[in-house]
Protein backbone atom coordinates (compact mmCIF):
# COMPACT_ATOMS: atom_id res chain seq x y z
CA MET A 1 65.33 0.92 190.31
CA LYS A 2 69.03 1.16 189.54
CA ARG A 3 70.02 0.77 193.27
CA PHE A 4 67.63 -2.16 193.71
CA ALA A 5 68.92 -3.81 190.47
CA GLU A 6 72.52 -3.44 191.66
CA LEU A 7 71.60 -4.90 195.02
CA LEU A 8 70.02 -8.03 193.40
CA ASP A 9 72.93 -8.41 190.95
CA ARG A 10 75.51 -8.25 193.67
CA LEU A 11 73.66 -10.54 196.08
CA LEU A 12 73.22 -13.02 193.22
CA LEU A 13 77.08 -13.02 192.54
CA THR A 14 78.20 -12.97 196.16
CA PRO A 15 78.46 -16.47 197.76
CA SER A 16 79.70 -15.18 201.29
CA ARG A 17 77.05 -14.83 203.99
CA ASN A 18 78.88 -11.99 205.50
CA ALA A 19 79.32 -10.16 202.31
CA LYS A 20 75.59 -10.54 201.60
CA LEU A 21 74.84 -8.98 205.08
CA LYS A 22 77.12 -6.01 204.28
CA LEU A 23 75.44 -5.48 200.87
CA MET A 24 71.96 -5.32 202.59
CA ILE A 25 73.17 -3.11 205.36
CA ASP A 26 74.69 -0.73 202.98
CA HIS A 27 71.51 -0.56 200.92
CA PHE A 28 69.39 0.10 204.02
CA ARG A 29 71.79 2.91 205.00
CA GLU A 30 72.00 4.50 201.59
CA THR A 31 68.56 4.20 200.22
CA PRO A 32 65.72 6.46 201.41
CA ASP A 33 62.18 5.47 202.45
CA PRO A 34 60.09 3.92 201.04
CA ASP A 35 62.42 2.27 198.59
CA ARG A 36 64.60 0.45 201.22
CA GLY A 37 61.43 -0.98 202.80
CA LEU A 38 60.12 -2.22 199.53
CA ALA A 39 63.49 -3.81 198.66
CA LEU A 40 63.27 -5.56 202.07
CA ALA A 41 59.70 -6.72 201.38
CA ALA A 42 60.90 -8.12 197.96
CA ILE A 43 63.82 -9.99 199.52
CA THR A 44 61.60 -11.50 202.22
CA GLY A 45 58.82 -12.51 199.77
CA ASN A 46 56.27 -9.87 201.08
CA LEU A 47 55.56 -8.19 197.82
CA SER A 48 53.07 -9.63 195.43
CA PHE A 49 51.21 -8.37 192.37
CA ALA A 50 47.85 -10.19 191.74
CA SER A 51 47.53 -8.65 188.26
CA VAL A 52 50.82 -9.93 186.88
CA LYS A 53 51.61 -13.62 186.28
CA PRO A 54 54.52 -15.38 184.42
CA ALA A 55 52.10 -16.21 181.51
CA LEU A 56 51.71 -12.49 180.95
CA LEU A 57 55.44 -12.04 180.49
CA ARG A 58 55.56 -14.73 177.92
CA ALA A 59 52.61 -13.10 176.13
CA LEU A 60 54.35 -9.73 176.15
CA ILE A 61 57.61 -11.04 174.64
CA ALA A 62 55.70 -13.19 172.08
CA GLU A 63 54.34 -9.82 170.70
CA ARG A 64 57.91 -8.49 170.29
CA MET A 65 60.14 -11.48 169.32
CA ASP A 66 59.81 -14.61 167.18
CA GLU A 67 58.55 -17.46 169.28
CA VAL A 68 61.19 -19.95 168.12
CA LEU A 69 64.04 -17.55 168.47
CA PHE A 70 62.79 -16.78 172.04
CA ALA A 71 62.65 -20.56 172.82
CA TYR A 72 66.32 -20.93 171.62
CA SER A 73 67.34 -17.91 173.71
CA TYR A 74 65.57 -19.22 176.77
CA ASP A 75 67.11 -22.62 176.42
CA TYR A 76 70.57 -21.00 176.18
CA VAL A 77 70.18 -18.55 179.09
CA GLY A 78 68.17 -20.83 181.37
CA ASP A 79 66.28 -18.14 183.33
CA LEU A 80 63.02 -16.57 182.14
CA ALA A 81 63.57 -13.14 183.71
CA GLU A 82 67.14 -12.87 182.44
CA THR A 83 66.18 -13.98 178.94
CA ILE A 84 63.34 -11.40 178.64
CA SER A 85 65.53 -8.56 180.16
CA LEU A 86 68.19 -9.24 177.56
CA VAL A 87 66.08 -9.68 174.43
CA TRP A 88 63.46 -7.00 175.25
CA PRO A 89 63.76 -4.53 172.29
CA GLU A 90 65.25 -1.20 173.20
CA GLY A 91 62.91 1.71 172.76
CA GLY A 92 65.37 4.48 172.93
CA GLU A 93 63.76 5.96 176.15
CA ALA A 94 65.46 3.71 178.79
CA ASN A 95 66.64 5.77 181.75
CA ASP A 96 66.71 3.99 185.14
CA ASP A 97 67.20 7.34 186.97
CA ASP A 98 63.63 8.31 186.10
CA ILE A 99 61.96 5.32 187.76
CA SER A 100 62.29 4.59 191.44
CA LEU A 101 61.36 1.19 192.92
CA SER A 102 58.40 2.77 194.80
CA TYR A 103 57.12 4.27 191.51
CA ALA A 104 57.27 0.86 189.79
CA VAL A 105 55.56 -0.89 192.77
CA ASP A 106 52.80 1.65 192.93
CA ARG A 107 52.16 1.45 189.26
CA LEU A 108 51.99 -2.37 189.38
CA HIS A 109 49.80 -2.47 192.44
CA ALA A 110 47.35 -0.04 190.90
CA ALA A 111 47.02 -1.95 187.67
CA SER A 112 44.01 -4.12 186.95
CA ARG A 113 44.30 -7.32 185.08
CA SER A 114 43.25 -5.53 181.93
CA ASP A 115 45.76 -2.67 182.49
CA ALA A 116 48.65 -4.92 183.75
CA PRO A 117 50.17 -5.73 180.22
CA ALA A 118 50.45 -2.07 179.16
CA VAL A 119 51.73 -1.01 182.60
CA LEU A 120 54.43 -3.72 182.74
CA ALA A 121 55.42 -3.18 179.04
CA GLY A 122 55.68 0.62 179.71
CA LEU A 123 57.97 -0.02 182.63
CA LEU A 124 60.22 -2.44 180.73
CA ASP A 125 60.45 -0.03 177.75
CA ARG A 126 61.71 2.63 180.19
CA LEU A 127 64.22 0.49 181.97
CA GLU A 128 67.74 -0.78 181.20
CA PRO A 129 68.48 -4.53 181.14
CA ALA A 130 69.67 -4.91 184.76
CA SER A 131 66.59 -3.12 185.97
CA ARG A 132 64.29 -5.00 183.62
CA PHE A 133 65.68 -8.18 185.15
CA ALA A 134 64.96 -6.72 188.65
CA ILE A 135 61.35 -5.79 187.89
CA ILE A 136 60.51 -9.16 186.30
CA LYS A 137 62.03 -10.96 189.31
CA LEU A 138 59.85 -8.79 191.40
CA VAL A 139 56.62 -9.52 189.78
CA THR A 140 57.13 -13.27 189.35
CA GLY A 141 58.00 -13.51 193.12
CA GLY A 142 61.13 -15.52 193.04
CA LEU A 143 64.34 -13.45 193.46
CA ARG A 144 66.56 -16.49 194.05
CA VAL A 145 69.55 -14.42 195.23
CA GLY A 146 70.60 -16.69 198.06
CA VAL A 147 69.09 -14.59 200.88
CA SER A 148 66.58 -16.13 203.26
CA ALA A 149 64.07 -14.10 205.25
CA ARG A 150 66.11 -14.95 208.36
CA LEU A 151 69.34 -13.52 206.78
CA ALA A 152 67.48 -10.34 205.87
CA LYS A 153 66.21 -9.93 209.34
CA GLN A 154 69.90 -10.43 210.61
CA ALA A 155 70.91 -7.64 208.20
CA LEU A 156 68.32 -5.42 209.77
CA ALA A 157 69.47 -6.31 213.28
CA ASP A 158 73.12 -5.58 212.32
CA PHE A 159 72.08 -2.26 210.67
CA GLY A 160 70.18 -1.13 213.76
CA GLY A 161 72.44 -2.61 216.42
CA VAL A 162 69.59 -4.77 217.89
CA ASP A 163 69.10 -8.38 218.56
CA VAL A 164 67.70 -10.34 215.61
CA HIS A 165 65.06 -11.81 218.10
CA ASP A 166 63.75 -8.26 218.67
CA ILE A 167 63.23 -7.91 214.85
CA GLU A 168 61.26 -11.24 214.70
CA GLU A 169 59.08 -10.32 217.68
CA VAL A 170 57.62 -7.40 215.80
CA TRP A 171 58.03 -8.56 212.19
CA HIS A 172 54.53 -10.05 211.78
CA GLY A 173 52.89 -6.98 213.13
CA LEU A 174 54.39 -4.77 210.36
CA GLU A 175 53.66 -4.03 206.72
CA PRO A 176 55.79 -2.90 203.77
CA PRO A 177 57.35 -0.50 203.32
CA TYR A 178 58.34 -0.84 206.96
CA GLU A 179 58.77 2.84 207.67
CA GLU A 180 58.03 2.45 211.37
CA LEU A 181 60.63 -0.38 211.65
CA PHE A 182 63.37 1.78 209.95
CA ALA A 183 62.64 4.69 212.08
CA TRP A 184 63.26 2.52 215.18
CA LEU A 185 66.49 1.07 213.64
CA ASP A 186 67.67 4.60 212.72
CA GLY A 187 67.21 5.62 216.30
CA ASN A 188 64.52 8.15 215.51
CA ALA A 189 61.54 6.30 217.16
CA ALA A 190 60.75 3.75 219.71
CA LYS A 191 60.45 -0.02 219.09
CA PRO A 192 57.20 -0.64 217.18
CA GLU A 193 54.51 -2.21 219.19
CA PRO A 194 52.60 -5.04 217.42
CA GLY A 195 49.09 -3.73 216.71
CA ARG A 196 47.54 -7.11 216.03
CA LEU A 197 46.69 -10.22 218.00
CA ALA A 198 47.64 -13.82 217.47
CA LEU A 199 51.05 -12.96 216.18
CA PHE A 200 53.73 -15.46 215.23
CA ARG A 201 56.52 -16.12 217.86
CA PRO A 202 60.06 -16.82 216.65
CA VAL A 203 60.70 -20.51 216.84
CA MET A 204 63.42 -22.34 218.67
CA LEU A 205 65.35 -24.82 216.47
CA SER A 206 67.43 -27.84 217.16
CA ASN A 207 71.01 -28.73 216.02
CA PRO A 208 71.84 -32.04 214.32
CA VAL A 209 74.01 -34.37 216.43
CA GLN A 210 77.54 -33.97 215.32
CA ASP A 211 80.65 -36.05 216.25
CA GLY A 212 81.43 -35.49 219.93
CA ASP A 213 78.14 -33.83 220.88
CA LEU A 214 76.80 -36.86 222.66
CA ALA A 215 79.98 -37.41 224.63
CA ARG A 216 79.74 -33.86 226.09
CA LEU A 217 76.25 -34.11 227.43
CA ASP A 218 74.92 -35.68 230.54
CA PRO A 219 71.79 -37.81 229.66
CA GLN A 220 70.29 -36.99 233.06
CA ASP A 221 69.92 -33.27 232.03
CA TYR A 222 67.88 -34.19 228.89
CA THR A 223 64.53 -35.53 227.96
CA ALA A 224 63.83 -37.36 224.78
CA GLU A 225 60.83 -37.43 222.39
CA TRP A 226 60.15 -38.77 218.91
CA LYS A 227 60.91 -36.57 215.96
CA TRP A 228 57.77 -36.79 213.77
CA ASP A 229 57.73 -36.53 209.98
CA GLY A 230 55.35 -33.69 209.51
CA ILE A 231 55.84 -29.84 209.38
CA ARG A 232 56.59 -27.67 212.26
CA VAL A 233 53.63 -25.35 213.13
CA GLN A 234 52.57 -22.82 215.73
CA ALA A 235 48.91 -22.54 216.76
CA VAL A 236 48.05 -19.18 218.29
CA CYS A 237 44.71 -17.86 219.66
CA GLU A 238 44.11 -14.53 221.13
CA GLY A 239 40.79 -12.74 221.39
CA ASP A 240 38.68 -13.85 218.55
CA LEU A 241 41.75 -14.55 216.27
CA ARG A 242 42.87 -18.03 215.42
CA LYS A 243 46.15 -18.45 213.42
CA LEU A 244 48.13 -21.47 212.36
CA TYR A 245 51.69 -20.64 211.17
CA SER A 246 54.48 -22.59 209.52
CA ARG A 247 57.95 -22.42 211.18
CA THR A 248 58.84 -19.49 208.92
CA GLY A 249 55.81 -17.51 209.98
CA ASP A 250 53.58 -18.07 206.97
CA ASP A 251 49.88 -18.11 207.86
CA ILE A 252 48.61 -21.50 206.67
CA SER A 253 45.23 -21.27 208.45
CA GLY A 254 43.28 -21.39 205.14
CA ALA A 255 44.58 -24.76 204.27
CA PHE A 256 43.54 -26.38 207.58
CA PRO A 257 40.11 -25.01 208.52
CA ASP A 258 39.29 -28.23 210.34
CA LEU A 259 42.24 -27.78 212.89
CA VAL A 260 41.68 -24.04 213.17
CA GLU A 261 38.01 -24.67 214.10
CA ALA A 262 39.18 -26.87 217.02
CA MET A 263 41.63 -24.10 218.31
CA ASP A 264 39.26 -23.19 221.16
CA PHE A 265 41.83 -21.81 223.68
CA HIS A 266 43.83 -18.83 224.69
CA GLY A 267 47.58 -19.28 224.15
CA ALA A 268 50.23 -20.41 221.74
CA LEU A 269 51.34 -24.02 221.02
CA ASP A 270 54.33 -25.38 219.19
CA GLY A 271 54.36 -28.77 217.56
CA GLU A 272 54.07 -30.92 214.49
CA LEU A 273 51.25 -30.77 211.92
CA LEU A 274 50.27 -34.27 210.83
CA VAL A 275 47.27 -35.93 209.29
CA GLY A 276 45.26 -38.95 210.68
CA ARG A 277 43.09 -39.75 213.62
CA PRO A 278 45.08 -39.97 216.93
CA PRO A 279 45.69 -42.03 218.73
CA GLU A 280 44.69 -44.75 216.26
CA ARG A 281 46.36 -43.50 213.07
CA THR A 282 49.14 -41.12 212.10
CA GLY A 283 49.45 -40.64 208.35
CA SER A 284 52.66 -40.36 206.30
CA PHE A 285 54.21 -37.26 205.01
CA SER A 286 52.83 -38.19 201.58
CA ASP A 287 49.36 -37.97 203.12
CA LEU A 288 50.09 -34.56 204.58
CA GLN A 289 51.17 -33.29 201.22
CA GLN A 290 47.57 -33.56 200.00
CA ARG A 291 46.88 -30.65 202.32
CA LEU A 292 50.01 -28.52 201.97
CA ASN A 293 50.51 -25.41 199.74
CA ARG A 294 46.72 -24.75 199.30
CA LYS A 295 44.86 -21.63 199.93
CA THR A 296 41.61 -23.49 200.23
CA VAL A 297 40.89 -27.24 200.54
CA ALA A 298 37.93 -29.42 199.36
CA ALA A 299 35.64 -31.12 201.88
CA LYS A 300 36.64 -34.60 200.59
CA THR A 301 40.25 -33.88 201.17
CA ILE A 302 39.49 -32.80 204.68
CA ARG A 303 37.47 -35.91 205.29
CA ASP A 304 40.17 -38.18 203.79
CA PHE A 305 43.09 -36.44 205.36
CA PRO A 306 42.05 -34.83 208.66
CA ALA A 307 44.68 -32.63 210.23
CA PHE A 308 45.89 -32.70 213.87
CA MET A 309 48.70 -31.07 215.92
CA ARG A 310 51.06 -33.17 217.96
CA CYS A 311 52.15 -30.66 220.61
CA TYR A 312 55.59 -30.56 222.21
CA ASP A 313 55.85 -27.07 223.76
CA ILE A 314 53.72 -24.20 225.07
CA LEU A 315 54.76 -20.63 224.34
CA SER A 316 51.99 -18.86 226.16
CA ASP A 317 49.25 -20.04 228.53
CA GLY A 318 46.46 -17.54 228.40
CA SER A 319 48.21 -14.15 228.64
CA GLU A 320 51.25 -15.58 230.48
CA ASP A 321 54.40 -15.81 228.36
CA MET A 322 55.97 -19.28 229.06
CA ARG A 323 59.06 -18.97 226.92
CA THR A 324 61.38 -18.00 229.87
CA PHE A 325 60.28 -20.97 231.93
CA PRO A 326 62.52 -24.20 231.91
CA LEU A 327 61.36 -26.97 229.58
CA SER A 328 60.45 -29.19 232.54
CA GLU A 329 58.03 -26.65 233.77
CA ARG A 330 56.62 -25.80 230.29
CA ARG A 331 56.01 -29.59 229.72
CA THR A 332 53.94 -29.90 232.91
CA ARG A 333 51.90 -26.82 231.77
CA LEU A 334 51.55 -28.16 228.28
CA GLU A 335 50.09 -31.56 229.47
CA ALA A 336 47.49 -29.80 231.49
CA PHE A 337 46.66 -27.46 228.56
CA VAL A 338 46.30 -30.15 225.91
CA ALA A 339 44.22 -32.32 228.22
CA ARG A 340 41.40 -29.74 227.76
CA LEU A 341 41.57 -29.83 223.92
CA ASP A 342 39.83 -32.01 221.31
CA PRO A 343 41.87 -35.15 221.39
CA HIS A 344 41.22 -35.83 217.74
CA ARG A 345 42.91 -32.49 216.81
CA PHE A 346 45.50 -32.01 219.53
CA ASP A 347 47.64 -34.56 221.34
CA LEU A 348 50.95 -34.69 223.11
CA SER A 349 54.20 -35.67 221.54
CA PRO A 350 55.08 -38.63 223.98
CA LEU A 351 58.33 -38.67 225.91
CA VAL A 352 60.67 -41.58 225.23
CA PRO A 353 62.10 -43.18 228.36
CA PHE A 354 65.64 -44.40 228.05
CA ASP A 355 68.36 -45.85 230.24
CA ASP A 356 71.48 -44.46 228.47
CA LEU A 357 72.55 -43.09 224.99
CA GLN A 358 73.17 -46.62 223.77
CA HIS A 359 69.60 -47.53 224.54
CA LEU A 360 68.39 -44.26 222.94
CA ASP A 361 70.44 -45.11 219.84
CA ARG A 362 68.76 -48.42 219.47
CA LEU A 363 65.27 -46.73 219.76
CA ARG A 364 66.37 -44.14 217.12
CA THR A 365 67.40 -46.74 214.57
CA GLU A 366 64.27 -48.98 215.05
CA PRO A 367 61.35 -46.56 215.96
CA PRO A 368 57.89 -47.88 216.59
CA HIS A 369 56.24 -45.93 213.74
CA PRO A 370 57.25 -45.24 210.08
CA VAL A 371 56.34 -41.61 210.56
CA ILE A 372 59.14 -41.09 213.03
CA GLU A 373 62.34 -39.66 211.64
CA GLY A 374 64.48 -40.09 214.85
CA ILE A 375 64.92 -38.66 218.30
CA MET A 376 64.84 -35.09 219.73
CA LEU A 377 66.98 -34.52 222.84
CA LYS A 378 66.00 -31.42 224.89
CA ARG A 379 67.70 -30.03 227.97
CA LEU A 380 65.27 -29.96 230.82
CA ASP A 381 66.35 -26.50 232.11
CA SER A 382 66.35 -24.85 228.74
CA PRO A 383 64.14 -21.79 228.06
CA TYR A 384 62.51 -21.34 224.71
CA VAL A 385 65.14 -19.26 222.85
CA PRO A 386 64.44 -18.22 219.22
CA GLY A 387 66.93 -19.29 216.65
CA ARG A 388 69.33 -22.26 216.89
CA PRO A 389 71.32 -22.00 220.07
CA LYS A 390 73.96 -24.78 220.39
CA GLY A 391 73.28 -27.16 223.24
CA PRO A 392 69.66 -27.01 224.45
CA TRP A 393 68.03 -29.08 221.69
CA PHE A 394 69.48 -31.78 219.47
CA LYS A 395 67.89 -33.78 216.66
CA TRP A 396 69.38 -37.27 216.18
CA LYS A 397 67.85 -38.56 213.00
CA ARG A 398 67.76 -42.00 211.63
CA ASP A 399 70.60 -42.76 209.13
CA PRO A 400 69.36 -41.98 205.60
CA HIS A 401 68.54 -44.64 203.12
CA THR A 402 70.62 -44.94 200.03
CA ILE A 403 70.17 -46.38 196.57
CA ASP A 404 72.22 -46.33 193.30
CA ALA A 405 70.10 -44.75 190.58
CA VAL A 406 70.71 -43.75 186.93
CA LEU A 407 70.65 -40.14 185.74
CA MET A 408 67.83 -39.82 183.22
CA TYR A 409 66.97 -36.05 182.75
CA ALA A 410 68.54 -32.77 183.75
CA GLN A 411 67.29 -29.23 183.85
CA ARG A 412 69.05 -25.92 184.33
CA GLY A 413 69.17 -24.30 187.68
CA HIS A 414 68.31 -20.78 188.74
CA GLY A 415 70.34 -17.83 189.99
CA LYS A 416 74.05 -18.72 190.20
CA ARG A 417 73.28 -22.09 188.71
CA SER A 418 71.42 -20.81 185.64
CA SER A 419 74.31 -21.80 183.37
CA PHE A 420 74.61 -25.34 184.73
CA TYR A 421 72.37 -28.43 184.47
CA SER A 422 71.88 -28.87 188.21
CA ASP A 423 68.44 -30.29 188.70
CA TYR A 424 68.41 -34.07 188.09
CA THR A 425 65.74 -36.82 187.60
CA PHE A 426 67.08 -40.19 188.29
CA GLY A 427 65.53 -43.77 187.98
CA VAL A 428 65.95 -47.45 188.82
CA TRP A 429 65.41 -50.61 186.71
CA ARG A 430 62.06 -52.32 186.43
CA GLU A 431 62.94 -55.36 184.34
CA ASP A 432 64.82 -53.76 181.34
CA GLU A 433 63.24 -50.32 181.71
CA LEU A 434 64.42 -47.29 183.65
CA VAL A 435 61.63 -45.85 185.78
CA PRO A 436 62.00 -42.37 187.30
CA VAL A 437 61.88 -42.43 191.14
CA GLY A 438 62.90 -39.02 192.23
CA LYS A 439 64.49 -35.61 191.70
CA ALA A 440 67.31 -33.85 193.43
CA TYR A 441 69.25 -30.65 193.14
CA PHE A 442 71.60 -30.57 196.08
CA GLY A 443 74.15 -32.73 197.92
CA PHE A 444 76.99 -32.46 195.52
CA THR A 445 80.09 -30.21 195.59
CA ASP A 446 80.85 -27.48 193.02
CA GLU A 447 83.43 -29.64 191.36
CA GLU A 448 80.88 -32.58 191.14
CA LEU A 449 78.37 -30.11 189.68
CA ARG A 450 80.77 -29.28 186.83
CA GLN A 451 81.51 -32.96 186.18
CA ILE A 452 77.70 -33.80 186.00
CA ASP A 453 77.11 -30.71 183.80
CA LYS A 454 79.76 -31.84 181.30
CA PHE A 455 78.25 -35.41 181.27
CA VAL A 456 74.78 -34.01 180.58
CA ARG A 457 76.10 -31.85 177.66
CA ASP A 458 78.13 -34.65 176.25
CA ASN A 459 75.38 -37.23 176.44
CA THR A 460 72.14 -35.34 175.55
CA ILE A 461 69.85 -37.46 173.25
CA ASP A 462 66.74 -35.21 173.31
CA ARG A 463 65.46 -31.82 174.58
CA PHE A 464 62.09 -30.90 175.98
CA GLY A 465 62.26 -27.14 176.47
CA PRO A 466 64.78 -26.53 179.28
CA VAL A 467 64.94 -30.28 180.03
CA ARG A 468 67.60 -32.58 178.50
CA SER A 469 67.18 -36.35 178.23
CA VAL A 470 70.42 -38.11 178.91
CA ARG A 471 71.86 -41.27 177.50
CA ALA A 472 71.06 -43.98 180.05
CA GLU A 473 71.71 -47.60 178.96
CA PRO A 474 72.90 -50.69 180.86
CA ASN A 475 76.50 -50.13 179.67
CA HIS A 476 76.57 -46.35 179.39
CA GLY A 477 75.31 -43.67 181.79
CA LEU A 478 75.98 -41.92 185.08
CA VAL A 479 75.06 -43.69 188.32
CA LEU A 480 74.20 -41.43 191.32
CA GLU A 481 74.16 -42.64 194.98
CA VAL A 482 71.03 -41.07 196.24
CA ALA A 483 70.30 -40.54 199.99
CA PHE A 484 66.80 -40.03 201.24
CA GLU A 485 64.94 -39.86 204.55
CA GLY A 486 61.93 -42.11 203.79
CA LEU A 487 59.72 -43.57 201.20
CA ASN A 488 55.92 -43.56 200.72
CA ARG A 489 53.57 -45.18 198.33
CA SER A 490 52.33 -42.81 195.62
CA THR A 491 49.66 -42.96 192.94
CA ARG A 492 51.00 -39.83 191.28
CA HIS A 493 54.31 -41.38 190.29
CA LYS A 494 54.84 -43.96 187.56
CA SER A 495 57.12 -45.92 189.90
CA GLY A 496 54.44 -46.01 192.69
CA VAL A 497 56.83 -44.54 195.20
CA ALA A 498 57.82 -41.02 196.45
CA MET A 499 61.09 -40.14 198.22
CA ARG A 500 61.42 -37.90 201.19
CA PHE A 501 64.25 -35.28 200.90
CA PRO A 502 66.29 -36.98 198.13
CA ARG A 503 69.83 -35.56 197.60
CA ILE A 504 72.91 -36.70 195.66
CA SER A 505 75.45 -38.17 198.15
CA ARG A 506 78.05 -39.55 195.67
CA LEU A 507 78.93 -39.95 192.07
CA ARG A 508 79.38 -43.57 191.09
CA TRP A 509 81.72 -43.29 188.11
CA ASP A 510 82.96 -46.77 189.06
CA LYS A 511 79.53 -48.45 188.65
CA PRO A 512 77.88 -49.34 185.28
CA PRO A 513 74.16 -48.45 185.02
CA ALA A 514 73.30 -52.15 184.65
CA GLU A 515 74.23 -52.56 188.25
CA ALA A 516 72.09 -49.78 189.63
CA ASP A 517 69.27 -50.69 191.99
CA ARG A 518 65.93 -52.13 190.93
CA LEU A 519 62.42 -51.01 191.79
CA ASP A 520 62.01 -54.15 193.83
CA THR A 521 64.66 -52.81 196.15
CA LEU A 522 62.54 -49.71 196.92
CA ALA A 523 59.38 -51.76 197.09
CA ALA A 524 60.96 -53.86 199.90
CA MET A 525 61.56 -50.73 201.94
CA LEU A 526 57.78 -50.17 202.00
CA ASP A 527 56.89 -53.67 203.32
């Protein structure tokens, strides 16, 4: 456990991407099987413990510490795992060298719900604070060390001297602790062959249009299509298996049984998951959220928010891999493929005819449908290449909306931000009352974070657990310029609106709260 705890601690405190890669590579090189594979599974989110939930941790610490004292400690530290690891009473038997990561994982996996409290408490008694923190993070499933699954795969590729796309091709056919994978990367075995059907294919991603990008491209080499405000998915059918994957490879088939049932084909399609009834209606992202992040879904929800896939690429047609074909040929094959499918569950993402880039810019800023985020530009001769290659695909999104809102509440962040109030709730005026309209936790610089954190601490008027209520009056408060991609009506929010991807774009120290925007301003955007 000591090695794993040291890895998490150093990843947490290391901001550099290259330094994080080196830390993981060194860990894979110096740690034996199966511990290195389990560390990889933990980092990539592929370890779970059904018998251990956060509520269990709170119950365990409540048996060992005064509840009020723990609440004060948690409020001061800001992170549940770190708080418990620090205040857990020493039993005099802590020795990290006696417990390996694989031993701890095996014990937790074997524990039933009734055994889990005693098993976890026994492990915490035998571990030192750093390792206690690591095991708690492990069982709660949120490491928050600034490492994505993609970065972990890049570390594997660098460790083994292979292409990261080779890692992604076999990834979804492997299981922790990945001994077969490490044997290949160590040079002691051949590349693993996927043993399952309907596997995820690594996705091709686009680059946002930057200054000068458009001037360097020839519009005749590109095709354009709308960028839809849904989620990127991949529908794969092989043999009797049907799978629907998110862009990161998560299997989301269980949340969309209506779409999976209509996947009566042999191949792999890439596209956007939306709700509605094409071609008559395409629902908003708010509608789609009624279906997201669910293991199962009620019949009424399926009926009210039917799912469909707007297809824009074909990765395999039958057993033929199409990814090396140019986009122009893949599009022709895609059109013929989708024509054979249920039109209420699968349709084509339409191409956007344009005369020149100025014409395309006008279309981008005034799209024909509110569910359109902008324009996709794709090079006609481009193969389907995993990752984000520069040049073949561009996304040219609409300019974001902005409002001036007043900071109302703040909450501590996690990981590197656990000592800062970095998660903010902001509101606008409805008559003489501030109404919350959104939350944001990014968009600001480190220096701006320190400024906001100081304002929160100096102007706290009440506390609700880890949340602070901040002084917000017409003549005293902090105005934030908030940028967001879109707005939807919402019955779940007091304001009646829900923002899409809000972020802090500027601190308006120059503006008194009385001059912040009003709810009428947001309502007008919906009309």
